Amino acid sequence: MTEAQWLDSAHPEMMLRYIQRVVPNDRTWRIFAVRCCERVRHLLPDERCRDALDTCARFTEGSASASDLAAAEDASNAAFTEFDDSLRETAAAAIHAACLPNDMHLYAPCATRQAALLVWPRLQRKLEYRWQASVLRDLFGNPFRPVSFSPDYRTSTAVALAAQMYEARDFSAMPILADALQDAGCDSADMLDHCRGPGPHVRGCWVVDQVLGRG
């Protein structure tokens, strides 16, 4: 895969295959799985799947334990084995893959593919794939051009902005964060352009996570 393809792709498949080889970070992969499953939460078939997804999301935040995650995995697996129609099986399979304990660079793509398959009609699914590709760029940045982040960029203003957006799940202040980073001495075009770009931005955004020291 080329850098141009990474930046322009409207489908996540080739991007996933590429980044699996270069970024094994379980946390970021799990966040990707969770964000994609949250998009189809209204299509999840029962409380077991919804509760398991919530637990998985809390695990990425550090507010759920490994044993909590294991219980969520068991619950979603039980749902999968009990369902007898393909739509509900697909939904449970997506959540189960997101809740597996390790090797998320292998299992998160399974979760996100299954999540996209819940979207219908096909035109809408195509838009879902486009959103997933954009979120990959938001979470992983540009793997062809890694950006060094200086602790000097973590001014009180930048941290406050990032924390507010993270907690509210409202990233409309990203351009203001770019201004704060620039005021702190950041001259990375990749970082500043990402903040000022059209998004989407989600919890786990690579710039916001850097500002907050997450990862």
N, C-alpha and C. Protein backbone atom coordinates (compact mmCIF):
# COMPACT_ATOMS: atom_id res chain seq x y z
N MET A 1 0.84 -1.20 0.00
CA MET A 1 0.00 0.00 0.00
C MET A 1 0.87 1.24 0.00
N THR A 2 0.48 2.27 -0.73
CA THR A 2 1.22 3.52 -0.77
C THR A 2 0.61 4.54 0.20
N GLU A 3 1.36 5.58 0.46
CA GLU A 3 0.85 6.64 1.33
C GLU A 3 -0.39 7.29 0.73
N ALA A 4 -0.36 7.51 -0.59
CA ALA A 4 -1.51 8.13 -1.25
C ALA A 4 -2.76 7.28 -1.11
N GLN A 5 -2.60 5.96 -1.23
CA GLN A 5 -3.74 5.07 -1.05
C GLN A 5 -4.27 5.13 0.37
N TRP A 6 -3.36 5.18 1.34
CA TRP A 6 -3.78 5.27 2.73
C TRP A 6 -4.61 6.54 2.97
N LEU A 7 -4.17 7.64 2.42
CA LEU A 7 -4.82 8.92 2.66
C LEU A 7 -6.15 9.06 1.94
N ASP A 8 -6.32 8.32 0.83
CA ASP A 8 -7.51 8.52 -0.01
C ASP A 8 -8.49 7.37 -0.01
N SER A 9 -8.13 6.25 0.59
CA SER A 9 -8.97 5.06 0.48
C SER A 9 -10.36 5.29 1.07
N ALA A 10 -11.37 4.78 0.36
CA ALA A 10 -12.75 4.84 0.84
C ALA A 10 -13.22 3.49 1.36
N HIS A 11 -12.31 2.53 1.44
CA HIS A 11 -12.65 1.20 1.94
C HIS A 11 -11.52 0.75 2.86
N PRO A 12 -11.83 0.18 4.02
CA PRO A 12 -10.79 -0.11 5.00
C PRO A 12 -9.97 -1.37 4.74
N GLU A 13 -10.38 -2.23 3.81
CA GLU A 13 -9.79 -3.57 3.74
C GLU A 13 -8.28 -3.53 3.51
N MET A 14 -7.83 -2.82 2.48
CA MET A 14 -6.40 -2.76 2.20
C MET A 14 -5.66 -2.04 3.32
N MET A 15 -6.29 -1.03 3.89
CA MET A 15 -5.68 -0.30 5.00
C MET A 15 -5.46 -1.23 6.19
N LEU A 16 -6.46 -2.06 6.48
CA LEU A 16 -6.36 -3.00 7.60
C LEU A 16 -5.21 -3.97 7.38
N ARG A 17 -5.11 -4.51 6.17
CA ARG A 17 -4.04 -5.48 5.90
C ARG A 17 -2.67 -4.84 6.06
N TYR A 18 -2.56 -3.57 5.64
CA TYR A 18 -1.27 -2.91 5.75
C TYR A 18 -0.92 -2.63 7.21
N ILE A 19 -1.85 -2.03 7.93
CA ILE A 19 -1.50 -1.57 9.28
C ILE A 19 -1.39 -2.73 10.27
N GLN A 20 -1.98 -3.88 9.94
CA GLN A 20 -1.79 -5.06 10.79
C GLN A 20 -0.31 -5.41 10.90
N ARG A 21 0.45 -5.12 9.86
CA ARG A 21 1.87 -5.49 9.84
C ARG A 21 2.75 -4.50 10.58
N VAL A 22 2.25 -3.28 10.79
CA VAL A 22 3.13 -2.25 11.33
C VAL A 22 2.70 -1.71 12.69
N VAL A 23 1.44 -1.91 13.07
CA VAL A 23 0.95 -1.40 14.36
C VAL A 23 0.19 -2.50 15.09
N PRO A 24 0.86 -3.20 16.02
CA PRO A 24 0.18 -4.27 16.75
C PRO A 24 -0.50 -3.80 18.04
N ASN A 25 -0.54 -2.49 18.29
CA ASN A 25 -1.06 -1.94 19.54
C ASN A 25 -2.49 -2.40 19.82
N ASP A 26 -2.66 -3.23 20.85
CA ASP A 26 -3.97 -3.80 21.14
C ASP A 26 -5.01 -2.73 21.48
N ARG A 27 -4.59 -1.71 22.24
CA ARG A 27 -5.56 -0.70 22.68
C ARG A 27 -6.18 0.03 21.49
N THR A 28 -5.35 0.49 20.55
CA THR A 28 -5.89 1.24 19.42
C THR A 28 -6.76 0.37 18.54
N TRP A 29 -6.33 -0.87 18.34
CA TRP A 29 -7.15 -1.79 17.55
C TRP A 29 -8.49 -2.04 18.22
N ARG A 30 -8.48 -2.21 19.54
CA ARG A 30 -9.75 -2.47 20.24
C ARG A 30 -10.65 -1.23 20.17
N ILE A 31 -10.07 -0.05 20.28
CA ILE A 31 -10.86 1.17 20.14
C ILE A 31 -11.53 1.21 18.77
N PHE A 32 -10.80 0.84 17.73
CA PHE A 32 -11.39 0.81 16.39
C PHE A 32 -12.58 -0.14 16.34
N ALA A 33 -12.41 -1.33 16.91
CA ALA A 33 -13.51 -2.30 16.94
C ALA A 33 -14.71 -1.74 17.69
N VAL A 34 -14.45 -1.12 18.84
CA VAL A 34 -15.54 -0.58 19.66
C VAL A 34 -16.27 0.55 18.93
N ARG A 35 -15.52 1.48 18.33
CA ARG A 35 -16.16 2.59 17.63
C ARG A 35 -17.05 2.09 16.49
N CYS A 36 -16.58 1.08 15.76
CA CYS A 36 -17.38 0.55 14.65
C CYS A 36 -18.62 -0.17 15.15
N CYS A 37 -18.49 -0.89 16.26
CA CYS A 37 -19.65 -1.59 16.82
C CYS A 37 -20.64 -0.60 17.43
N GLU A 38 -20.13 0.47 18.03
CA GLU A 38 -21.03 1.48 18.59
C GLU A 38 -21.90 2.12 17.51
N ARG A 39 -21.37 2.21 16.30
CA ARG A 39 -22.14 2.78 15.19
C ARG A 39 -23.39 1.97 14.88
N VAL A 40 -23.34 0.66 15.17
CA VAL A 40 -24.48 -0.21 14.86
C VAL A 40 -25.14 -0.71 16.14
N ARG A 41 -24.95 0.02 17.22
CA ARG A 41 -25.51 -0.42 18.50
C ARG A 41 -27.02 -0.64 18.41
N HIS A 42 -27.71 0.20 17.65
CA HIS A 42 -29.17 0.07 17.53
C HIS A 42 -29.58 -1.22 16.83
N LEU A 43 -28.62 -1.90 16.19
CA LEU A 43 -28.91 -3.15 15.49
C LEU A 43 -28.51 -4.37 16.31
N LEU A 44 -27.93 -4.16 17.49
CA LEU A 44 -27.54 -5.29 18.32
C LEU A 44 -28.79 -5.96 18.88
N PRO A 45 -28.80 -7.30 18.91
CA PRO A 45 -30.06 -8.01 19.13
C PRO A 45 -30.53 -8.15 20.57
N ASP A 46 -29.64 -8.03 21.55
CA ASP A 46 -30.12 -8.19 22.93
C ASP A 46 -29.18 -7.49 23.90
N GLU A 47 -29.60 -7.49 25.17
CA GLU A 47 -28.84 -6.78 26.20
C GLU A 47 -27.47 -7.37 26.42
N ARG A 48 -27.32 -8.68 26.22
CA ARG A 48 -26.00 -9.28 26.41
C ARG A 48 -24.98 -8.64 25.48
N CYS A 49 -25.35 -8.46 24.23
CA CYS A 49 -24.44 -7.86 23.27
C CYS A 49 -24.18 -6.39 23.60
N ARG A 50 -25.22 -5.67 23.96
CA ARG A 50 -25.04 -4.25 24.29
C ARG A 50 -24.21 -4.08 25.55
N ASP A 51 -24.46 -4.90 26.56
CA ASP A 51 -23.68 -4.81 27.80
C ASP A 51 -22.22 -5.19 27.55
N ALA A 52 -22.01 -6.22 26.72
CA ALA A 52 -20.64 -6.63 26.41
C ALA A 52 -19.89 -5.52 25.68
N LEU A 53 -20.57 -4.85 24.77
CA LEU A 53 -19.94 -3.73 24.06
C LEU A 53 -19.59 -2.61 25.04
N ASP A 54 -20.48 -2.30 25.96
CA ASP A 54 -20.20 -1.26 26.95
C ASP A 54 -18.99 -1.63 27.81
N THR A 55 -18.90 -2.89 28.20
CA THR A 55 -17.76 -3.35 29.00
C THR A 55 -16.47 -3.23 28.21
N CYS A 56 -16.52 -3.62 26.95
CA CYS A 56 -15.34 -3.52 26.09
C CYS A 56 -14.89 -2.07 25.96
N ALA A 57 -15.85 -1.17 25.80
CA ALA A 57 -15.52 0.25 25.71
C ALA A 57 -14.86 0.74 27.01
N ARG A 58 -15.41 0.32 28.14
CA ARG A 58 -14.83 0.72 29.43
C ARG A 58 -13.44 0.14 29.61
N PHE A 59 -13.21 -1.05 29.07
CA PHE A 59 -11.88 -1.66 29.16
C PHE A 59 -10.85 -0.81 28.42
N THR A 60 -11.22 -0.25 27.28
CA THR A 60 -10.28 0.61 26.55
C THR A 60 -9.98 1.88 27.32
N GLU A 61 -10.90 2.27 28.22
CA GLU A 61 -10.70 3.49 29.02
C GLU A 61 -9.96 3.19 30.32
N GLY A 62 -9.75 1.92 30.62
CA GLY A 62 -9.11 1.54 31.87
C GLY A 62 -10.06 1.46 33.04
N SER A 63 -11.37 1.47 32.78
CA SER A 63 -12.35 1.42 33.87
C SER A 63 -13.06 0.08 33.97
N ALA A 64 -12.60 -0.91 33.25
CA ALA A 64 -13.09 -2.29 33.38
C ALA A 64 -11.87 -3.19 33.43
N SER A 65 -11.98 -4.28 34.18
CA SER A 65 -10.84 -5.18 34.38
C SER A 65 -10.79 -6.26 33.31
N ALA A 66 -9.69 -7.01 33.32
CA ALA A 66 -9.57 -8.14 32.40
C ALA A 66 -10.64 -9.19 32.68
N SER A 67 -11.00 -9.36 33.94
CA SER A 67 -12.06 -10.33 34.26
C SER A 67 -13.41 -9.83 33.77
N ASP A 68 -13.63 -8.51 33.81
CA ASP A 68 -14.85 -7.94 33.24
C ASP A 68 -14.91 -8.22 31.74
N LEU A 69 -13.78 -8.03 31.08
CA LEU A 69 -13.72 -8.27 29.64
C LEU A 69 -13.97 -9.74 29.33
N ALA A 70 -13.40 -10.63 30.14
CA ALA A 70 -13.62 -12.06 29.94
C ALA A 70 -15.09 -12.42 30.08
N ALA A 71 -15.76 -11.80 31.05
CA ALA A 71 -17.20 -12.05 31.23
C ALA A 71 -17.99 -11.54 30.02
N ALA A 72 -17.58 -10.41 29.47
CA ALA A 72 -18.23 -9.88 28.27
C ALA A 72 -18.01 -10.80 27.08
N GLU A 73 -16.80 -11.33 26.98
CA GLU A 73 -16.52 -12.29 25.90
C GLU A 73 -17.42 -13.52 26.03
N ASP A 74 -17.54 -14.04 27.25
CA ASP A 74 -18.38 -15.22 27.48
C ASP A 74 -19.84 -14.93 27.13
N ALA A 75 -20.33 -13.77 27.53
CA ALA A 75 -21.73 -13.42 27.27
C ALA A 75 -22.01 -13.29 25.78
N SER A 76 -21.11 -12.64 25.06
CA SER A 76 -21.33 -12.47 23.62
C SER A 76 -21.19 -13.80 22.89
N ASN A 77 -20.31 -14.66 23.38
CA ASN A 77 -20.18 -15.98 22.77
C ASN A 77 -21.44 -16.82 23.02
N ALA A 78 -21.99 -16.72 24.23
CA ALA A 78 -23.23 -17.44 24.54
C ALA A 78 -24.36 -16.96 23.64
N ALA A 79 -24.43 -15.65 23.42
CA ALA A 79 -25.46 -15.11 22.53
C ALA A 79 -25.28 -15.66 21.12
N PHE A 80 -24.04 -15.69 20.65
CA PHE A 80 -23.78 -16.19 19.30
C PHE A 80 -24.24 -17.63 19.14
N THR A 81 -23.93 -18.46 20.13
CA THR A 81 -24.28 -19.88 20.01
C THR A 81 -25.79 -20.12 20.12
N GLU A 82 -26.51 -19.20 20.76
CA GLU A 82 -27.95 -19.37 20.93
C GLU A 82 -28.76 -18.84 19.75
N PHE A 83 -28.22 -17.84 19.05
CA PHE A 83 -28.99 -17.25 17.95
C PHE A 83 -29.08 -18.22 16.79
N ASP A 84 -30.21 -18.17 16.09
CA ASP A 84 -30.41 -19.11 14.99
C ASP A 84 -30.72 -18.40 13.67
N ASP A 85 -30.36 -17.12 13.58
CA ASP A 85 -30.50 -16.42 12.30
C ASP A 85 -29.23 -15.63 12.04
N SER A 86 -28.93 -15.42 10.77
CA SER A 86 -27.63 -14.88 10.39
C SER A 86 -27.42 -13.45 10.87
N LEU A 87 -28.46 -12.64 10.91
CA LEU A 87 -28.29 -11.25 11.32
C LEU A 87 -27.87 -11.15 12.77
N ARG A 88 -28.55 -11.87 13.64
CA ARG A 88 -28.19 -11.82 15.06
C ARG A 88 -26.84 -12.49 15.31
N GLU A 89 -26.54 -13.56 14.57
CA GLU A 89 -25.23 -14.20 14.70
C GLU A 89 -24.12 -13.23 14.30
N THR A 90 -24.34 -12.49 13.23
CA THR A 90 -23.34 -11.52 12.77
C THR A 90 -23.10 -10.45 13.83
N ALA A 91 -24.17 -9.96 14.43
CA ALA A 91 -24.04 -8.94 15.47
C ALA A 91 -23.26 -9.47 16.67
N ALA A 92 -23.62 -10.67 17.13
CA ALA A 92 -22.93 -11.25 18.28
C ALA A 92 -21.47 -11.55 17.95
N ALA A 93 -21.20 -11.98 16.71
CA ALA A 93 -19.82 -12.26 16.31
C ALA A 93 -18.97 -11.00 16.33
N ALA A 94 -19.55 -9.87 15.93
CA ALA A 94 -18.82 -8.60 15.96
C ALA A 94 -18.42 -8.24 17.39
N ILE A 95 -19.36 -8.35 18.31
CA ILE A 95 -19.07 -8.01 19.70
C ILE A 95 -18.08 -8.99 20.31
N HIS A 96 -18.25 -10.27 20.02
CA HIS A 96 -17.34 -11.27 20.57
C HIS A 96 -15.91 -11.01 20.12
N ALA A 97 -15.72 -10.68 18.85
CA ALA A 97 -14.37 -10.41 18.35
C ALA A 97 -13.77 -9.19 19.05
N ALA A 98 -14.59 -8.18 19.32
CA ALA A 98 -14.09 -6.98 20.00
C ALA A 98 -13.68 -7.26 21.44
N CYS A 99 -14.26 -8.31 22.04
CA CYS A 99 -14.03 -8.60 23.46
C CYS A 99 -12.92 -9.62 23.70
N LEU A 100 -12.32 -10.14 22.66
CA LEU A 100 -11.24 -11.11 22.86
C LEU A 100 -10.06 -10.44 23.56
N PRO A 101 -9.31 -11.19 24.37
CA PRO A 101 -8.35 -10.54 25.27
C PRO A 101 -7.07 -10.04 24.62
N ASN A 102 -6.62 -10.69 23.56
CA ASN A 102 -5.31 -10.37 23.00
C ASN A 102 -5.38 -10.38 21.47
N ASP A 103 -4.25 -9.97 20.86
CA ASP A 103 -4.09 -10.04 19.40
C ASP A 103 -5.20 -9.29 18.68
N MET A 104 -5.50 -8.10 19.14
CA MET A 104 -6.60 -7.36 18.54
C MET A 104 -6.29 -6.91 17.12
N HIS A 105 -5.00 -6.87 16.74
CA HIS A 105 -4.70 -6.54 15.35
C HIS A 105 -5.22 -7.62 14.41
N LEU A 106 -5.47 -8.81 14.95
CA LEU A 106 -6.07 -9.88 14.16
C LEU A 106 -7.59 -9.89 14.26
N TYR A 107 -8.12 -9.59 15.45
CA TYR A 107 -9.55 -9.77 15.69
C TYR A 107 -10.38 -8.51 15.47
N ALA A 108 -9.80 -7.33 15.65
CA ALA A 108 -10.58 -6.11 15.42
C ALA A 108 -11.10 -6.01 13.99
N PRO A 109 -10.29 -6.37 12.98
CA PRO A 109 -10.85 -6.34 11.62
C PRO A 109 -12.05 -7.26 11.45
N CYS A 110 -12.05 -8.39 12.15
CA CYS A 110 -13.22 -9.28 12.09
C CYS A 110 -14.44 -8.57 12.67
N ALA A 111 -14.25 -7.90 13.80
CA ALA A 111 -15.36 -7.18 14.43
C ALA A 111 -15.91 -6.10 13.52
N THR A 112 -15.02 -5.36 12.88
CA THR A 112 -15.48 -4.23 12.07
C THR A 112 -16.14 -4.71 10.77
N ARG A 113 -15.64 -5.80 10.21
CA ARG A 113 -16.30 -6.36 9.01
C ARG A 113 -17.71 -6.82 9.34
N GLN A 114 -17.85 -7.52 10.47
CA GLN A 114 -19.17 -8.01 10.87
C GLN A 114 -20.10 -6.84 11.16
N ALA A 115 -19.57 -5.80 11.80
CA ALA A 115 -20.40 -4.63 12.09
C ALA A 115 -20.92 -4.00 10.80
N ALA A 116 -20.06 -3.89 9.80
CA ALA A 116 -20.48 -3.29 8.53
C ALA A 116 -21.53 -4.14 7.83
N LEU A 117 -21.44 -5.46 7.99
CA LEU A 117 -22.41 -6.35 7.34
C LEU A 117 -23.82 -6.18 7.89
N LEU A 118 -23.94 -5.59 9.07
CA LEU A 118 -25.26 -5.34 9.64
C LEU A 118 -25.97 -4.17 8.94
N VAL A 119 -25.20 -3.37 8.22
CA VAL A 119 -25.75 -2.16 7.60
C VAL A 119 -26.35 -2.51 6.24
N TRP A 120 -27.56 -2.05 6.01
CA TRP A 120 -28.29 -2.34 4.78
C TRP A 120 -29.13 -1.12 4.43
N PRO A 121 -29.33 -0.78 3.17
CA PRO A 121 -28.94 -1.50 1.95
C PRO A 121 -27.46 -1.33 1.62
N ARG A 122 -27.06 -1.89 0.48
CA ARG A 122 -25.64 -1.92 0.13
C ARG A 122 -25.04 -0.53 -0.02
N LEU A 123 -25.82 0.41 -0.52
CA LEU A 123 -25.30 1.77 -0.65
C LEU A 123 -24.95 2.34 0.71
N GLN A 124 -25.78 2.08 1.70
CA GLN A 124 -25.50 2.55 3.05
C GLN A 124 -24.27 1.85 3.62
N ARG A 125 -24.12 0.57 3.29
CA ARG A 125 -22.93 -0.16 3.75
C ARG A 125 -21.66 0.44 3.14
N LYS A 126 -21.75 0.85 1.89
CA LYS A 126 -20.60 1.50 1.25
C LYS A 126 -20.21 2.76 2.00
N LEU A 127 -21.19 3.52 2.46
CA LEU A 127 -20.90 4.71 3.27
C LEU A 127 -20.30 4.33 4.62
N GLU A 128 -20.74 3.18 5.15
CA GLU A 128 -20.18 2.70 6.42
C GLU A 128 -18.70 2.35 6.26
N TYR A 129 -18.36 1.70 5.16
CA TYR A 129 -16.96 1.39 4.89
C TYR A 129 -16.14 2.67 4.77
N ARG A 130 -16.71 3.67 4.11
CA ARG A 130 -16.00 4.94 3.98
C ARG A 130 -15.74 5.56 5.36
N TRP A 131 -16.75 5.49 6.23
CA TRP A 131 -16.58 6.01 7.59
C TRP A 131 -15.50 5.23 8.33
N GLN A 132 -15.51 3.91 8.20
CA GLN A 132 -14.49 3.09 8.87
C GLN A 132 -13.09 3.47 8.40
N ALA A 133 -12.92 3.70 7.10
CA ALA A 133 -11.61 4.09 6.58
C ALA A 133 -11.17 5.42 7.17
N SER A 134 -12.10 6.35 7.29
CA SER A 134 -11.78 7.66 7.87
C SER A 134 -11.40 7.52 9.34
N VAL A 135 -12.09 6.65 10.06
CA VAL A 135 -11.79 6.45 11.48
C VAL A 135 -10.44 5.77 11.66
N LEU A 136 -10.07 4.87 10.76
CA LEU A 136 -8.72 4.30 10.82
C LEU A 136 -7.68 5.40 10.76
N ARG A 137 -7.86 6.36 9.87
CA ARG A 137 -6.90 7.46 9.77
C ARG A 137 -6.93 8.33 11.03
N ASP A 138 -8.10 8.48 11.64
CA ASP A 138 -8.21 9.27 12.86
C ASP A 138 -7.50 8.60 14.02
N LEU A 139 -7.58 7.28 14.09
CA LEU A 139 -6.99 6.55 15.22
C LEU A 139 -5.50 6.29 15.04
N PHE A 140 -5.09 5.95 13.83
CA PHE A 140 -3.71 5.52 13.60
C PHE A 140 -2.84 6.60 12.98
N GLY A 141 -3.44 7.70 12.53
CA GLY A 141 -2.65 8.72 11.87
C GLY A 141 -2.14 8.24 10.53
N ASN A 142 -1.00 8.73 10.14
CA ASN A 142 -0.37 8.33 8.87
C ASN A 142 0.82 7.44 9.19
N PRO A 143 0.69 6.12 9.01
CA PRO A 143 1.80 5.22 9.36
C PRO A 143 3.03 5.41 8.48
N PHE A 144 2.87 6.08 7.36
CA PHE A 144 4.01 6.34 6.48
C PHE A 144 4.80 7.56 6.93
N ARG A 145 4.24 8.33 7.85
CA ARG A 145 4.88 9.58 8.27
C ARG A 145 4.65 9.78 9.76
N PRO A 146 5.33 8.98 10.60
CA PRO A 146 5.13 9.10 12.05
C PRO A 146 5.50 10.51 12.53
N VAL A 147 4.74 10.98 13.50
CA VAL A 147 4.93 12.34 14.03
C VAL A 147 5.45 12.26 15.45
N SER A 148 6.51 12.99 15.72
CA SER A 148 7.03 13.08 17.09
C SER A 148 6.22 14.12 17.85
N PHE A 149 5.86 13.76 19.08
CA PHE A 149 5.06 14.67 19.90
C PHE A 149 5.90 15.12 21.08
N SER A 150 6.11 16.42 21.16
CA SER A 150 6.90 16.98 22.26
C SER A 150 6.03 17.21 23.49
N PRO A 151 6.53 16.86 24.67
CA PRO A 151 5.78 17.17 25.90
C PRO A 151 5.48 18.66 26.05
N ASP A 152 6.27 19.50 25.38
CA ASP A 152 6.04 20.95 25.46
C ASP A 152 4.69 21.34 24.87
N TYR A 153 4.13 20.47 24.02
CA TYR A 153 2.84 20.79 23.40
C TYR A 153 1.69 20.64 24.39
N ARG A 154 1.96 19.95 25.51
CA ARG A 154 0.88 19.70 26.48
C ARG A 154 0.72 20.90 27.42
N THR A 155 0.33 22.01 26.85
CA THR A 155 0.05 23.18 27.68
C THR A 155 -1.29 22.98 28.38
N SER A 156 -1.54 23.80 29.38
CA SER A 156 -2.81 23.68 30.10
C SER A 156 -4.00 23.90 29.17
N THR A 157 -3.84 24.80 28.21
CA THR A 157 -4.93 25.07 27.26
C THR A 157 -5.18 23.86 26.37
N ALA A 158 -4.11 23.28 25.82
CA ALA A 158 -4.26 22.13 24.93
C ALA A 158 -4.85 20.94 25.66
N VAL A 159 -4.36 20.68 26.87
CA VAL A 159 -4.87 19.54 27.64
C VAL A 159 -6.33 19.75 28.01
N ALA A 160 -6.69 20.97 28.40
CA ALA A 160 -8.08 21.24 28.77
C ALA A 160 -9.01 21.05 27.58
N LEU A 161 -8.60 21.53 26.42
CA LEU A 161 -9.42 21.36 25.22
C LEU A 161 -9.59 19.89 24.87
N ALA A 162 -8.48 19.16 24.88
CA ALA A 162 -8.52 17.74 24.53
C ALA A 162 -9.38 16.96 25.51
N ALA A 163 -9.23 17.25 26.80
CA ALA A 163 -10.00 16.54 27.82
C ALA A 163 -11.50 16.83 27.68
N GLN A 164 -11.83 18.06 27.40
CA GLN A 164 -13.25 18.43 27.25
C GLN A 164 -13.87 17.71 26.06
N MET A 165 -13.15 17.67 24.94
CA MET A 165 -13.67 16.98 23.76
C MET A 165 -13.80 15.48 24.02
N TYR A 166 -12.80 14.93 24.69
CA TYR A 166 -12.81 13.50 24.97
C TYR A 166 -14.00 13.12 25.83
N GLU A 167 -14.23 13.87 26.89
CA GLU A 167 -15.31 13.54 27.81
C GLU A 167 -16.68 13.75 27.16
N ALA A 168 -16.81 14.80 26.37
CA ALA A 168 -18.10 15.12 25.77
C ALA A 168 -18.36 14.34 24.48
N ARG A 169 -17.32 13.70 23.95
CA ARG A 169 -17.41 13.05 22.63
C ARG A 169 -17.84 14.06 21.56
N ASP A 170 -17.47 15.27 21.76
CA ASP A 170 -17.76 16.35 20.80
C ASP A 170 -16.43 16.96 20.38
N PHE A 171 -16.05 16.73 19.13
CA PHE A 171 -14.72 17.12 18.67
C PHE A 171 -14.76 18.35 17.78
N SER A 172 -15.79 19.15 17.94
CA SER A 172 -15.93 20.35 17.11
C SER A 172 -14.84 21.39 17.41
N ALA A 173 -14.18 21.27 18.55
CA ALA A 173 -13.13 22.23 18.91
C ALA A 173 -11.75 21.81 18.42
N MET A 174 -11.68 20.81 17.54
CA MET A 174 -10.37 20.37 17.04
C MET A 174 -9.58 21.51 16.38
N PRO A 175 -10.19 22.39 15.58
CA PRO A 175 -9.41 23.50 15.03
C PRO A 175 -8.83 24.42 16.11
N ILE A 176 -9.56 24.57 17.21
CA ILE A 176 -9.05 25.39 18.32
C ILE A 176 -7.87 24.68 18.98
N LEU A 177 -7.95 23.34 19.06
CA LEU A 177 -6.81 22.57 19.58
C LEU A 177 -5.60 22.77 18.69
N ALA A 178 -5.80 22.82 17.38
CA ALA A 178 -4.69 23.07 16.47
C ALA A 178 -4.03 24.41 16.79
N ASP A 179 -4.83 25.43 17.04
CA ASP A 179 -4.27 26.74 17.38
C ASP A 179 -3.46 26.66 18.68
N ALA A 180 -3.98 25.93 19.66
CA ALA A 180 -3.28 25.80 20.94
C ALA A 180 -1.96 25.06 20.76
N LEU A 181 -1.96 24.02 19.94
CA LEU A 181 -0.73 23.28 19.69
C LEU A 181 0.28 24.16 18.96
N GLN A 182 -0.20 24.93 18.01
CA GLN A 182 0.69 25.83 17.27
C GLN A 182 1.28 26.88 18.20
N ASP A 183 0.47 27.41 19.09
CA ASP A 183 0.97 28.38 20.07
C ASP A 183 2.03 27.77 20.97
N ALA A 184 1.95 26.44 21.18
CA ALA A 184 2.93 25.75 22.03
C ALA A 184 4.19 25.37 21.27
N GLY A 185 4.25 25.70 19.98
CA GLY A 185 5.45 25.43 19.21
C GLY A 185 5.34 24.30 18.22
N CYS A 186 4.17 23.68 18.12
CA CYS A 186 4.00 22.58 17.18
C CYS A 186 3.97 23.13 15.76
N ASP A 187 4.85 22.57 14.90
CA ASP A 187 4.86 22.98 13.50
C ASP A 187 4.64 21.79 12.57
N SER A 188 4.11 20.71 13.11
CA SER A 188 3.84 19.51 12.31
C SER A 188 2.61 19.74 11.45
N ALA A 189 2.80 19.78 10.14
CA ALA A 189 1.66 19.96 9.24
C ALA A 189 0.68 18.81 9.36
N ASP A 190 1.21 17.59 9.55
CA ASP A 190 0.32 16.42 9.66
C ASP A 190 -0.60 16.56 10.87
N MET A 191 -0.04 16.99 11.99
CA MET A 191 -0.83 17.10 13.21
C MET A 191 -1.82 18.26 13.12
N LEU A 192 -1.36 19.39 12.66
CA LEU A 192 -2.23 20.57 12.59
C LEU A 192 -3.31 20.39 11.53
N ASP A 193 -2.94 19.81 10.39
CA ASP A 193 -3.94 19.58 9.34
C ASP A 193 -4.98 18.57 9.79
N HIS A 194 -4.55 17.58 10.57
CA HIS A 194 -5.52 16.60 11.06
C HIS A 194 -6.55 17.28 11.96
N CYS A 195 -6.09 18.18 12.81
CA CYS A 195 -7.01 18.89 13.70
C CYS A 195 -7.95 19.80 12.93
N ARG A 196 -7.47 20.36 11.86
CA ARG A 196 -8.28 21.33 11.10
C ARG A 196 -9.06 20.69 9.96
N GLY A 197 -8.85 19.40 9.77
CA GLY A 197 -9.53 18.71 8.69
C GLY A 197 -10.98 18.40 9.02
N PRO A 198 -11.68 17.76 8.07
CA PRO A 198 -13.12 17.53 8.23
C PRO A 198 -13.49 16.39 9.17
N GLY A 199 -12.51 15.60 9.60
CA GLY A 199 -12.82 14.45 10.47
C GLY A 199 -13.28 13.26 9.65
N PRO A 200 -14.00 12.34 10.27
CA PRO A 200 -14.53 12.39 11.64
C PRO A 200 -13.44 12.21 12.69
N HIS A 201 -13.74 12.64 13.90
CA HIS A 201 -12.88 12.40 15.05
C HIS A 201 -13.68 11.63 16.09
N VAL A 202 -13.01 10.68 16.73
CA VAL A 202 -13.66 9.84 17.73
C VAL A 202 -12.75 9.72 18.94
N ARG A 203 -13.29 9.17 20.02
CA ARG A 203 -12.43 8.85 21.16
C ARG A 203 -11.35 7.89 20.70
N GLY A 204 -10.10 8.27 20.95
CA GLY A 204 -8.98 7.50 20.44
C GLY A 204 -8.24 8.22 19.33
N CYS A 205 -8.76 9.37 18.89
CA CYS A 205 -8.07 10.19 17.89
C CYS A 205 -6.60 10.33 18.27
N TRP A 206 -5.72 10.11 17.30
CA TRP A 206 -4.29 10.02 17.64
C TRP A 206 -3.74 11.33 18.19
N VAL A 207 -4.25 12.46 17.75
CA VAL A 207 -3.75 13.73 18.27
C VAL A 207 -4.27 13.97 19.69
N VAL A 208 -5.55 13.77 19.90
CA VAL A 208 -6.12 13.97 21.24
C VAL A 208 -5.46 13.03 22.24
N ASP A 209 -5.25 11.78 21.85
CA ASP A 209 -4.60 10.83 22.76
C ASP A 209 -3.18 11.27 23.10
N GLN A 210 -2.47 11.83 22.12
CA GLN A 210 -1.11 12.31 22.39
C GLN A 210 -1.14 13.46 23.39
N VAL A 211 -2.07 14.37 23.21
CA VAL A 211 -2.17 15.51 24.12
C VAL A 211 -2.49 15.05 25.54
N LEU A 212 -3.36 14.04 25.65
CA LEU A 212 -3.77 13.55 26.96
C LEU A 212 -2.83 12.50 27.53
N GLY A 213 -1.82 12.11 26.77
CA GLY A 213 -0.87 11.11 27.25
C GLY A 213 -1.45 9.72 27.32
N ARG A 214 -2.44 9.44 26.50
CA ARG A 214 -3.04 8.11 26.46
C ARG A 214 -2.31 7.26 25.43
N GLY A 215 -2.51 5.94 25.56
CA GLY A 215 -1.91 5.07 24.56
C GLY A 215 -1.19 3.92 25.20
